[in-house]
Amino acid sequence: MKILLLDKFDNFLQWWADGLAQIVPTSWGSRHKQLKQHLLLHYNEKELLIEHFAQVADEATTRHLISTYDESDKKNVQEWLAKSPELSTLPTILRLQSDRILVKRLRYPAAARADLRNVISYDINRQTPFSREDVYFDFEEIATKDASAHIEVDLFLIPKKELEPLESTIKALELRLTAIDISGPTSVSGVNLLPIQSEKKCNQPPYRIWFGLFILWLSLITLIPVKLILDSNATIIHLEQQQKNGITTIQPLKELRDRYAKHVNKSKFLNHLRSKHIGALDLLGEITNLLSDNTWIRRFEFKNGTLRLQGESTNASEILGILDGSPRFSSPTFSSPVTRNNSNGSDRFK
């Protein structure tokens, strides 16, 4: 037997489940789907071309040409972005012509493959006339016959100085690059000259989104026993009304009442489990609000009243002062010395 109110509740749960399926991180799909809607930048020494690719089009739906020396051009594009603020949140790709990129083939022992990016990073000073800090770079491994003994890679780099006029223009437009790739006769796929730490900030879902999804999931599993209770209660009320009218019941009321009581007990048990985790959720929310976007939490452990954090930050020394200023924490300390992550310049703390 179906009751109209419960049917609507079923439809609501189905709608909610479909909605959650649509907001999972885009990194679970293919890269082509991620970049279906994006901004593409083409740059030469004097002009910047911005193209907007919408989800329903394979070609740019909007184009704006900016002179890097003309402030009126920048103002027109700023007005365009202000009218469509969602454009500033799209992936933004800078595409450079291959003739502007320095390419050099390098050869290393096969053992270097496990940490190849760091090996190449340290080798840039020796292999090129530039220092590591003064270039954007990436590499592509080349297939060879003796891959078990040696590996060959093509190193792609461009001096940061060549992109300085562009960076000031992008900053004025309040855009943030997702990737820097290469086009032209020697085009290669999968190359991104943007530093790894910047790429992570652009591509990974913000920490607060994961926290919000967890709260939604917790609310959904709490509603499931509530629906079972409503189903059982509605059936009992209907059968009791039939009994009053002299209609033979299909199932003994006692059995239905027992089922109703079991569902109530299950609901209480789930609520009890949820209350035990409220403390951890509150702490997670406090940490999210206190720490800056320059800090990444790799491990979060709360046990027996003690909170242990492990992660990376551009300035780990300020974390203890920030946590000590919160009434939820007392006497925060580092359990081990802060170390430097040379690959991205951040501090590891624990």
Protein backbone atom coordinates (compact mmCIF):
# COMPACT_ATOMS: atom_id res chain seq x y z
CA MET A 1 0.00 0.00 0.00
CA LYS A 2 1.36 3.40 -0.99
CA ILE A 3 0.60 6.63 0.82
CA LEU A 4 0.96 9.89 -1.10
CA LEU A 5 3.18 11.57 1.52
CA LEU A 6 5.61 8.64 1.59
CA ASP A 7 5.69 8.49 -2.20
CA LYS A 8 6.81 12.11 -2.23
CA PHE A 9 9.45 11.28 0.38
CA ASP A 10 10.74 8.43 -1.83
CA ASN A 11 10.98 10.81 -4.78
CA PHE A 12 12.87 13.32 -2.63
CA LEU A 13 15.47 10.70 -1.59
CA GLN A 14 15.95 9.64 -5.21
CA TRP A 15 16.40 13.26 -6.27
CA TRP A 16 18.95 13.84 -3.49
CA ALA A 17 20.93 10.71 -4.42
CA ASP A 18 21.04 11.79 -8.08
CA GLY A 19 22.22 15.24 -7.02
CA LEU A 20 25.05 13.85 -4.93
CA ALA A 21 26.18 11.70 -7.86
CA GLN A 22 26.51 14.84 -9.98
CA ILE A 23 28.76 16.76 -7.55
CA VAL A 24 31.50 14.18 -7.10
CA PRO A 25 34.98 15.57 -7.92
CA THR A 26 35.55 16.10 -11.61
CA SER A 27 38.93 14.39 -11.36
CA TRP A 28 37.02 11.06 -11.38
CA GLY A 29 36.06 11.70 -15.01
CA SER A 30 38.31 11.94 -18.04
CA ARG A 31 40.46 14.98 -18.68
CA HIS A 32 38.45 15.71 -21.82
CA LYS A 33 35.25 16.03 -19.79
CA GLN A 34 36.98 18.20 -17.18
CA LEU A 35 38.08 20.69 -19.80
CA LYS A 36 34.88 20.66 -21.86
CA GLN A 37 34.19 24.18 -20.58
CA HIS A 38 37.30 26.29 -20.04
CA LEU A 39 39.17 29.47 -20.91
CA LEU A 40 42.05 29.19 -23.39
CA LEU A 41 44.72 31.92 -23.56
CA HIS A 42 47.00 32.54 -26.58
CA TYR A 43 49.86 34.96 -25.95
CA ASN A 44 52.50 36.77 -27.97
CA GLU A 45 54.69 39.64 -26.88
CA LYS A 46 52.01 42.30 -27.48
CA GLU A 47 48.58 40.66 -27.38
CA LEU A 48 46.58 38.15 -25.38
CA LEU A 49 43.65 36.26 -26.95
CA ILE A 50 41.06 34.82 -24.51
CA GLU A 51 38.70 32.13 -25.83
CA HIS A 52 35.76 30.70 -23.89
CA PHE A 53 34.79 27.11 -24.74
CA ALA A 54 31.29 26.17 -23.50
CA GLN A 55 30.16 22.61 -22.72
CA VAL A 56 27.95 22.37 -25.79
CA ALA A 57 30.51 23.65 -28.31
CA ASP A 58 33.74 22.29 -29.72
CA GLU A 59 34.77 25.76 -30.86
CA ALA A 60 35.19 28.94 -28.83
CA THR A 61 31.86 30.67 -28.16
CA THR A 62 33.47 34.00 -27.16
CA ARG A 63 36.80 35.63 -28.04
CA HIS A 64 38.47 38.75 -26.63
CA LEU A 65 41.77 40.20 -27.88
CA ILE A 66 43.73 42.30 -25.38
CA SER A 67 46.76 44.49 -25.95
CA THR A 68 49.07 44.07 -22.97
CA TYR A 69 49.86 47.78 -23.21
CA ASP A 70 46.28 49.12 -23.62
CA GLU A 71 44.38 49.61 -20.36
CA SER A 72 41.07 50.14 -22.20
CA ASP A 73 41.27 46.58 -23.56
CA LYS A 74 41.76 45.22 -20.03
CA LYS A 75 38.77 47.25 -18.82
CA ASN A 76 36.50 45.79 -21.53
CA VAL A 77 37.49 42.24 -20.61
CA GLN A 78 37.04 42.99 -16.89
CA GLU A 79 33.48 44.13 -17.64
CA TRP A 80 32.87 40.92 -19.63
CA LEU A 81 34.10 38.76 -16.74
CA ALA A 82 32.07 40.79 -14.22
CA LYS A 83 28.87 40.08 -16.18
CA SER A 84 29.64 36.34 -16.11
CA PRO A 85 31.47 35.74 -12.78
CA GLU A 86 31.35 31.96 -13.28
CA LEU A 87 33.98 32.34 -16.04
CA SER A 88 36.61 33.23 -13.44
CA THR A 89 36.13 29.81 -11.81
CA LEU A 90 36.67 27.80 -15.01
CA PRO A 91 39.95 25.98 -15.76
CA THR A 92 42.25 28.50 -17.45
CA ILE A 93 44.90 27.19 -19.86
CA LEU A 94 47.76 29.19 -21.35
CA ARG A 95 48.79 27.72 -24.72
CA LEU A 96 52.26 28.71 -25.98
CA GLN A 97 53.69 28.20 -29.47
CA SER A 98 56.39 25.55 -29.63
CA ASP A 99 58.93 27.98 -31.10
CA ARG A 100 58.98 29.84 -27.77
CA ILE A 101 59.88 26.71 -25.81
CA LEU A 102 63.42 25.49 -25.18
CA VAL A 103 63.55 21.70 -25.77
CA LYS A 104 66.49 19.51 -24.74
CA ARG A 105 66.81 15.73 -24.66
CA LEU A 106 68.33 14.27 -21.48
CA ARG A 107 69.48 10.76 -20.58
CA TYR A 108 69.44 9.22 -17.08
CA PRO A 109 69.88 5.79 -15.47
CA ALA A 110 66.63 3.82 -15.15
CA ALA A 111 66.87 4.07 -11.35
CA ALA A 112 66.07 7.77 -11.60
CA ARG A 113 62.53 7.04 -12.85
CA ALA A 114 61.09 6.81 -9.31
CA ASP A 115 61.98 10.46 -8.58
CA LEU A 116 62.47 11.77 -12.10
CA ARG A 117 60.92 15.21 -11.62
CA ASN A 118 63.21 16.07 -8.72
CA VAL A 119 66.23 14.72 -10.58
CA ILE A 120 65.49 16.92 -13.59
CA SER A 121 64.72 19.89 -11.35
CA TYR A 122 68.16 19.72 -9.75
CA ASP A 123 69.79 19.16 -13.16
CA ILE A 124 68.32 22.24 -14.88
CA ASN A 125 71.14 24.47 -13.60
CA ARG A 126 73.72 22.18 -15.22
CA GLN A 127 71.91 21.33 -18.45
CA THR A 128 70.57 24.81 -19.33
CA PRO A 129 71.73 28.44 -18.95
CA PHE A 130 68.90 29.03 -16.46
CA SER A 131 68.37 28.27 -12.78
CA ARG A 132 65.42 26.18 -11.60
CA GLU A 133 63.75 29.16 -9.90
CA ASP A 134 63.78 31.21 -13.12
CA VAL A 135 61.87 28.83 -15.43
CA TYR A 136 58.58 26.99 -15.93
CA PHE A 137 59.32 23.42 -17.00
CA ASP A 138 57.94 19.95 -17.63
CA PHE A 139 59.21 16.82 -19.35
CA GLU A 140 58.05 13.87 -21.43
CA GLU A 141 59.63 10.42 -21.31
CA ILE A 142 60.73 9.01 -24.67
CA ALA A 143 60.29 5.30 -25.44
CA THR A 144 63.65 3.57 -26.01
CA LYS A 145 64.81 0.00 -26.64
CA ASP A 146 67.02 -0.13 -23.52
CA ALA A 147 64.41 1.35 -21.16
CA SER A 148 65.39 -1.12 -18.45
CA ALA A 149 68.88 0.41 -18.27
CA HIS A 150 68.38 4.06 -19.29
CA ILE A 151 65.58 6.52 -19.78
CA GLU A 152 65.46 9.48 -22.16
CA VAL A 153 63.28 12.52 -21.65
CA ASP A 154 62.57 15.71 -23.55
CA LEU A 155 62.84 18.72 -21.25
CA PHE A 156 60.52 21.65 -22.08
CA LEU A 157 61.08 25.02 -20.41
CA ILE A 158 60.46 28.73 -20.80
CA PRO A 159 62.03 31.53 -18.70
CA LYS A 160 59.57 33.15 -16.32
CA LYS A 161 60.85 36.55 -17.42
CA GLU A 162 59.21 36.09 -20.84
CA LEU A 163 55.78 35.74 -19.23
CA GLU A 164 56.03 38.64 -16.77
CA PRO A 165 53.89 41.05 -18.89
CA LEU A 166 51.26 38.32 -19.23
CA GLU A 167 51.23 37.58 -15.49
CA SER A 168 50.41 41.21 -14.66
CA THR A 169 47.55 41.14 -17.18
CA ILE A 170 46.15 37.86 -15.78
CA LYS A 171 46.37 39.25 -12.25
CA ALA A 172 44.47 42.38 -13.30
CA LEU A 173 41.72 40.17 -14.78
CA GLU A 174 41.60 38.09 -11.55
CA LEU A 175 42.18 34.82 -13.42
CA ARG A 176 44.28 31.90 -12.16
CA LEU A 177 46.11 29.57 -14.51
CA THR A 178 45.33 25.85 -14.37
CA ALA A 179 47.94 24.76 -16.91
CA ILE A 180 50.55 25.96 -19.40
CA ASP A 181 50.75 23.69 -22.43
CA ILE A 182 52.37 23.77 -25.87
CA SER A 183 50.98 23.91 -29.41
CA GLY A 184 52.46 24.14 -32.89
CA PRO A 185 54.27 21.76 -35.27
CA THR A 186 56.06 20.00 -32.37
CA SER A 187 52.96 19.83 -30.17
CA VAL A 188 53.05 17.28 -27.35
CA SER A 189 50.17 16.07 -25.19
CA GLY A 190 50.15 15.93 -21.43
CA VAL A 191 52.86 18.60 -20.90
CA ASN A 192 52.06 21.23 -18.26
CA LEU A 193 54.77 23.80 -17.53
CA LEU A 194 52.92 25.14 -14.49
CA PRO A 195 54.61 24.31 -11.15
CA ILE A 196 53.16 21.27 -9.37
CA GLN A 197 52.04 23.19 -6.28
CA SER A 198 49.98 25.62 -8.40
CA GLU A 199 48.41 22.77 -10.34
CA LYS A 200 47.28 21.09 -7.14
CA LYS A 201 45.61 24.22 -5.90
CA CYS A 202 43.65 24.58 -9.13
CA ASN A 203 42.70 20.96 -9.78
CA GLN A 204 42.03 19.48 -6.39
CA PRO A 205 38.66 20.09 -4.79
CA PRO A 206 38.86 22.58 -1.90
CA TYR A 207 39.05 21.09 1.58
CA ARG A 208 35.75 22.68 2.57
CA ILE A 209 33.91 20.93 -0.31
CA TRP A 210 34.99 17.51 0.99
CA PHE A 211 33.83 18.48 4.46
CA GLY A 212 30.45 19.60 3.09
CA LEU A 213 30.01 16.36 1.12
CA PHE A 214 30.71 14.35 4.27
CA ILE A 215 28.01 16.27 6.17
CA LEU A 216 25.52 15.64 3.33
CA TRP A 217 26.33 11.92 3.36
CA LEU A 218 25.90 11.75 7.14
CA SER A 219 22.52 13.51 6.91
CA LEU A 220 21.36 11.12 4.18
CA ILE A 221 22.09 7.93 6.15
CA THR A 222 20.29 9.49 9.12
CA LEU A 223 17.14 9.98 7.02
CA ILE A 224 16.98 6.33 5.93
CA PRO A 225 15.85 4.91 9.33
CA VAL A 226 13.48 7.87 9.69
CA LYS A 227 11.80 6.83 6.43
CA LEU A 228 11.48 3.21 7.63
CA ILE A 229 9.82 4.42 10.84
CA LEU A 230 7.36 6.58 8.88
CA ASP A 231 6.54 3.66 6.57
CA SER A 232 5.82 1.31 9.48
CA ASN A 233 3.86 3.89 11.47
CA ALA A 234 1.70 4.79 8.46
CA THR A 235 0.93 1.09 7.83
CA ILE A 236 -0.04 0.54 11.48
CA ILE A 237 -2.39 3.54 11.45
CA HIS A 238 -4.02 2.33 8.25
CA LEU A 239 -4.56 -1.23 9.56
CA GLU A 240 -5.92 0.02 12.86
CA GLN A 241 -8.45 2.09 10.94
CA GLN A 242 -9.40 -0.98 8.90
CA GLN A 243 -9.82 -2.97 12.13
CA LYS A 244 -12.21 -0.37 13.50
CA ASN A 245 -14.27 -0.68 10.33
CA GLY A 246 -14.44 -4.44 10.65
CA ILE A 247 -12.03 -5.16 7.77
CA THR A 248 -9.80 -8.19 8.23
CA THR A 249 -6.20 -7.22 8.71
CA ILE A 250 -3.61 -8.64 6.32
CA GLN A 251 -0.93 -8.99 8.97
CA PRO A 252 -1.13 -9.09 12.78
CA LEU A 253 -0.74 -5.68 14.34
CA LYS A 254 1.59 -7.05 17.01
CA GLU A 255 4.16 -8.09 14.39
CA LEU A 256 4.01 -4.65 12.79
CA ARG A 257 4.40 -2.94 16.16
CA ASP A 258 7.47 -5.09 16.84
CA ARG A 259 8.94 -4.07 13.50
CA TYR A 260 8.17 -0.44 14.34
CA ALA A 261 9.95 -0.76 17.70
CA LYS A 262 13.02 -2.32 16.01
CA HIS A 263 13.22 0.56 13.55
CA VAL A 264 13.00 3.04 16.43
CA ASN A 265 15.86 1.26 18.22
CA LYS A 266 17.95 1.29 15.04
CA SER A 267 17.33 5.00 14.69
CA LYS A 268 18.42 5.63 18.28
CA PHE A 269 21.56 3.55 17.72
CA LEU A 270 22.49 5.51 14.59
CA ASN A 271 21.88 8.80 16.39
CA HIS A 272 24.13 7.59 19.22
CA LEU A 273 26.92 6.78 16.74
CA ARG A 274 26.49 10.15 15.11
CA SER A 275 26.74 11.98 18.47
CA LYS A 276 30.06 10.26 19.19
CA HIS A 277 31.55 11.77 16.03
CA ILE A 278 30.22 15.30 16.50
CA GLY A 279 33.37 16.27 18.43
CA ALA A 280 35.64 15.24 15.56
CA LEU A 281 33.47 17.08 13.02
CA ASP A 282 33.55 20.24 15.13
CA LEU A 283 37.34 20.05 15.33
CA LEU A 284 37.58 19.48 11.59
CA GLY A 285 35.46 22.57 10.97
CA GLU A 286 37.55 24.62 13.44
CA ILE A 287 40.81 23.56 11.73
CA THR A 288 39.32 24.46 8.31
CA ASN A 289 38.39 27.96 9.49
CA LEU A 290 41.67 28.64 11.34
CA LEU A 291 44.29 27.50 8.84
CA SER A 292 45.01 29.47 5.68
CA ASP A 293 44.74 28.20 2.10
CA ASN A 294 48.55 27.85 2.09
CA THR A 295 48.28 24.88 4.49
CA TRP A 296 47.33 21.30 3.44
CA ILE A 297 46.29 18.62 5.95
CA ARG A 298 47.46 15.14 4.89
CA ARG A 299 46.42 13.31 8.07
CA PHE A 300 43.73 14.09 10.69
CA GLU A 301 43.53 11.88 13.78
CA PHE A 302 41.40 12.56 16.89
CA LYS A 303 41.62 9.98 19.67
CA ASN A 304 41.24 10.10 23.46
CA GLY A 305 40.98 13.88 23.46
CA THR A 306 44.22 14.33 21.48
CA LEU A 307 44.29 15.77 17.95
CA ARG A 308 47.19 14.87 15.64
CA LEU A 309 47.74 16.69 12.37
CA GLN A 310 50.23 16.02 9.58
CA GLY A 311 50.64 18.09 6.46
CA GLU A 312 52.48 20.85 4.61
CA SER A 313 52.46 24.65 4.79
CA THR A 314 54.33 27.53 3.25
CA ASN A 315 54.97 28.77 6.81
CA ALA A 316 54.63 25.97 9.36
CA SER A 317 56.00 28.08 12.22
CA GLU A 318 52.79 30.16 12.38
CA ILE A 319 50.51 27.13 12.87
CA LEU A 320 51.19 26.70 16.62
CA GLY A 321 50.30 30.34 17.30
CA ILE A 322 47.07 30.08 15.29
CA LEU A 323 45.92 26.90 17.09
CA ASP A 324 46.92 28.27 20.50
CA GLY A 325 44.63 31.24 19.94
CA SER A 326 41.58 28.96 19.69
CA PRO A 327 39.71 28.03 22.91
CA ARG A 328 39.30 24.46 21.57
CA PHE A 329 43.04 23.69 21.69
CA SER A 330 45.60 23.88 24.47
CA SER A 331 49.41 23.71 24.37
CA PRO A 332 49.85 22.73 20.69
CA THR A 333 53.36 21.41 19.89
CA PHE A 334 55.22 19.75 17.04
CA SER A 335 55.82 16.02 17.66
CA SER A 336 58.83 16.07 15.31
CA PRO A 337 61.05 18.74 13.73
CA VAL A 338 59.69 20.69 10.77
CA THR A 339 61.36 19.60 7.53
CA ARG A 340 61.64 21.27 4.12
CA ASN A 341 60.01 19.81 0.98
CA ASN A 342 62.48 20.84 -1.71
CA SER A 343 60.18 19.86 -4.57
CA ASN A 344 57.63 22.60 -3.85
CA GLY A 345 59.30 24.80 -1.19
CA SER A 346 56.78 24.02 1.59
CA ASP A 347 57.35 22.92 5.20
CA ARG A 348 56.37 19.45 6.38
CA PHE A 349 54.98 19.39 9.94
CA LYS A 350 53.62 16.82 12.33
